[in-house]
Amino acid sequence: AVALAAVETFFAADTRPLEPDLVRQAFAAVTSPGRLERVRVEPTIILDTAHNPHGMRATVAALTEDFAFGTLVGAVSVFHDKDARGILAALEPVLAAVVVTRNSSPRAMPAAQLGAVAAEVFGDDRVRVVVELPDAIDTAVALLETLAAARAHPERAGLGVLVTGSVVTVADARRLFVR
């Protein structure tokens, strides 16, 4: 909406209105890498850069509204100066389990420290700590498969992994998936 308003303001001297079909085509072509970005199917892996409780609540709302996950596992790394408890609390209702890890930033919270916070929010049985992000994503996928089998999940389409917690976490994950 802001982009459209800016373009309309920029062209205000032009007496012709913007072509509605052109506006629709332009918005249809817009992408936002790292915002609910699907980078894999079977199982679905979604990347999202939410890095504070407010942003994570928006991510959770979008996941709930726009996806049909029966079982969702998170792979999460946050910066040490962020509200890790608030971020994890926002995720707790939608994640069957969480794998906490560390991204490549020196500002990243150590995985063990994040794991302790996650255990307080999720309970010990729903938390795994894996230091390296690629291994954490692999662990999340394996955990997802185990949970789905235990629940006799009828459709693989309802299985997902959410990689989130910071822009750096998603950038690191994008290097693994996007060419």
Protein backbone atom coordinates (compact mmCIF):
# COMPACT_ATOMS: atom_id res chain seq x y z
CA ALA A 1 0.00 0.00 0.00
CA VAL A 2 2.85 2.38 0.82
CA ALA A 3 4.59 1.59 -2.48
CA LEU A 4 1.37 2.20 -4.41
CA ALA A 5 0.75 5.49 -2.59
CA ALA A 6 4.31 6.60 -3.34
CA VAL A 7 3.93 5.85 -7.06
CA GLU A 8 0.56 7.60 -7.17
CA THR A 9 2.08 10.64 -5.43
CA PHE A 10 5.09 10.65 -7.75
CA PHE A 11 2.83 10.65 -10.79
CA ALA A 12 0.27 13.04 -9.29
CA ALA A 13 0.93 15.65 -11.97
CA ASP A 14 -0.08 13.09 -14.60
CA THR A 15 -3.86 13.32 -14.95
CA ARG A 16 -4.25 9.68 -15.95
CA PRO A 17 -4.86 7.17 -13.14
CA LEU A 18 -2.65 4.13 -12.89
CA GLU A 19 -3.89 1.19 -14.92
CA PRO A 20 -5.48 -1.29 -12.46
CA ASP A 21 -4.27 -4.30 -14.48
CA LEU A 22 -0.71 -2.96 -14.48
CA VAL A 23 -0.88 -2.47 -10.69
CA ARG A 24 -2.19 -6.05 -10.25
CA GLN A 25 0.61 -7.44 -12.45
CA ALA A 26 3.23 -5.49 -10.54
CA PHE A 27 2.00 -6.70 -7.15
CA ALA A 28 1.76 -10.28 -8.44
CA ALA A 29 5.46 -10.13 -9.36
CA VAL A 30 6.64 -8.85 -5.97
CA THR A 31 8.70 -11.24 -3.88
CA SER A 32 10.04 -10.92 -0.37
CA PRO A 33 12.83 -13.44 0.16
CA GLY A 34 12.92 -14.74 3.69
CA ARG A 35 9.31 -13.87 4.52
CA LEU A 36 7.29 -17.09 4.59
CA GLU A 37 9.55 -18.28 1.78
CA ARG A 38 9.04 -21.89 0.77
CA VAL A 39 12.41 -23.36 -0.17
CA ARG A 40 11.59 -27.07 -0.23
CA VAL A 41 8.67 -29.46 -0.50
CA GLU A 42 8.39 -33.02 0.88
CA PRO A 43 8.56 -31.90 3.61
CA THR A 44 7.82 -28.24 3.18
CA ILE A 45 10.53 -25.99 4.57
CA ILE A 46 9.59 -22.37 5.19
CA LEU A 47 12.04 -19.57 5.99
CA ASP A 48 10.90 -16.51 7.91
CA THR A 49 12.98 -13.62 9.25
CA ALA A 50 10.77 -12.80 12.25
CA HIS A 51 13.15 -11.75 15.03
CA ASN A 52 10.98 -10.32 17.80
CA PRO A 53 7.75 -11.39 19.53
CA HIS A 54 5.54 -9.05 17.49
CA GLY A 55 6.99 -10.27 14.19
CA MET A 56 6.77 -13.89 15.31
CA ARG A 57 3.09 -13.48 16.23
CA ALA A 58 2.51 -12.14 12.69
CA THR A 59 4.40 -15.13 11.25
CA VAL A 60 2.35 -17.55 13.35
CA ALA A 61 -0.88 -15.87 12.23
CA ALA A 62 0.18 -16.15 8.58
CA LEU A 63 1.20 -19.79 9.02
CA THR A 64 -2.18 -20.54 10.58
CA GLU A 65 -4.15 -18.66 7.92
CA ASP A 66 -2.19 -19.51 4.77
CA PHE A 67 -0.85 -23.02 5.34
CA ALA A 68 -2.38 -26.34 6.40
CA PHE A 69 0.33 -27.87 8.55
CA GLY A 70 -0.70 -30.87 10.58
CA THR A 71 2.76 -31.14 12.10
CA LEU A 72 5.25 -28.28 12.17
CA VAL A 73 8.76 -28.34 13.67
CA GLY A 74 10.90 -25.23 14.13
CA ALA A 75 14.62 -24.65 13.68
CA VAL A 76 15.33 -21.43 15.58
CA SER A 77 18.33 -19.20 16.25
CA VAL A 78 18.08 -15.71 17.73
CA PHE A 79 20.48 -12.94 18.68
CA HIS A 80 21.51 -12.74 22.33
CA ASP A 81 20.01 -9.25 22.69
CA LYS A 82 16.53 -10.28 21.49
CA ASP A 83 13.55 -11.45 23.53
CA ALA A 84 14.13 -15.18 23.02
CA ARG A 85 11.44 -16.15 25.53
CA GLY A 86 8.85 -13.96 23.76
CA ILE A 87 9.82 -15.30 20.34
CA LEU A 88 9.60 -18.90 21.51
CA ALA A 89 6.34 -18.29 23.38
CA ALA A 90 4.79 -16.98 20.16
CA LEU A 91 5.89 -20.16 18.36
CA GLU A 92 4.91 -22.64 21.05
CA PRO A 93 1.24 -23.08 20.09
CA VAL A 94 2.05 -24.05 16.48
CA LEU A 95 5.24 -26.11 16.83
CA ALA A 96 5.15 -29.78 17.74
CA ALA A 97 8.86 -29.47 18.61
CA VAL A 98 11.70 -27.00 18.28
CA VAL A 99 15.36 -27.47 17.39
CA VAL A 100 17.40 -24.56 18.69
CA THR A 101 20.70 -23.71 17.10
CA ARG A 102 23.15 -20.92 16.40
CA ASN A 103 23.49 -18.88 13.23
CA SER A 104 26.75 -17.48 11.84
CA SER A 105 26.54 -14.08 13.56
CA PRO A 106 28.74 -13.29 16.56
CA ARG A 107 25.54 -11.80 18.05
CA ALA A 108 23.81 -15.20 18.01
CA MET A 109 22.72 -16.60 21.35
CA PRO A 110 24.63 -19.80 22.14
CA ALA A 111 22.54 -22.86 21.30
CA ALA A 112 22.75 -24.25 24.85
CA GLN A 113 21.52 -20.97 26.33
CA LEU A 114 18.64 -20.78 23.83
CA GLY A 115 17.90 -24.43 24.59
CA ALA A 116 17.47 -23.64 28.29
CA VAL A 117 14.97 -20.89 27.45
CA ALA A 118 13.17 -23.15 24.98
CA ALA A 119 12.86 -25.91 27.60
CA GLU A 120 11.13 -23.45 29.93
CA VAL A 121 8.65 -22.52 27.17
CA PHE A 122 8.14 -25.89 25.42
CA GLY A 123 9.16 -28.43 28.06
CA ASP A 124 12.27 -30.60 27.79
CA ASP A 125 10.58 -33.28 25.69
CA ARG A 126 9.83 -30.89 22.79
CA VAL A 127 13.29 -29.29 22.56
CA ARG A 128 16.48 -30.40 20.81
CA VAL A 129 19.75 -28.44 20.86
CA VAL A 130 21.97 -28.71 17.78
CA VAL A 131 24.88 -26.30 17.48
CA GLU A 132 25.24 -26.00 13.68
CA LEU A 133 22.31 -24.70 11.60
CA PRO A 134 22.61 -27.24 8.73
CA ASP A 135 22.58 -30.07 11.27
CA ALA A 136 19.67 -28.43 13.10
CA ILE A 137 17.61 -28.33 9.90
CA ASP A 138 18.42 -31.99 9.23
CA THR A 139 17.43 -32.81 12.82
CA ALA A 140 14.17 -30.87 12.44
CA VAL A 141 13.32 -32.82 9.27
CA ALA A 142 14.14 -36.16 10.94
CA LEU A 143 12.13 -35.18 14.02
CA LEU A 144 9.24 -34.16 11.79
CA GLU A 145 9.30 -37.57 10.11
CA THR A 146 9.34 -39.32 13.51
CA LEU A 147 6.46 -37.23 14.83
CA ALA A 148 4.44 -37.75 11.66
CA ALA A 149 4.94 -41.52 11.82
CA ALA A 150 3.95 -41.59 15.50
CA ARG A 151 0.81 -39.63 14.74
CA ALA A 152 0.03 -41.78 11.69
CA HIS A 153 -0.08 -38.58 9.66
CA PRO A 154 -2.20 -39.30 6.57
CA GLU A 155 -0.75 -36.66 4.24
CA ARG A 156 2.84 -35.59 3.76
CA ALA A 157 1.52 -32.24 2.51
CA GLY A 158 0.73 -31.29 6.11
CA LEU A 159 4.34 -31.66 7.28
CA GLY A 160 6.59 -28.64 7.65
CA VAL A 161 9.75 -27.17 9.09
CA LEU A 162 9.96 -23.47 9.92
CA VAL A 163 13.46 -21.94 10.00
CA THR A 164 13.31 -18.61 11.81
CA GLY A 165 14.54 -16.29 14.55
CA SER A 166 16.66 -13.72 12.73
CA VAL A 167 17.57 -12.33 9.35
CA VAL A 168 20.98 -14.01 9.65
CA THR A 169 19.40 -17.39 10.44
CA VAL A 170 17.34 -17.16 7.28
CA ALA A 171 20.27 -15.87 5.20
CA ASP A 172 22.35 -18.83 6.38
CA ALA A 173 19.52 -21.24 5.54
CA ARG A 174 18.90 -19.62 2.14
CA ARG A 175 22.52 -20.38 1.20
CA LEU A 176 21.72 -24.06 1.83
CA PHE A 177 18.55 -24.12 -0.28
CA VAL A 178 18.45 -21.30 -2.84
CA ARG A 179 20.74 -21.31 -5.86
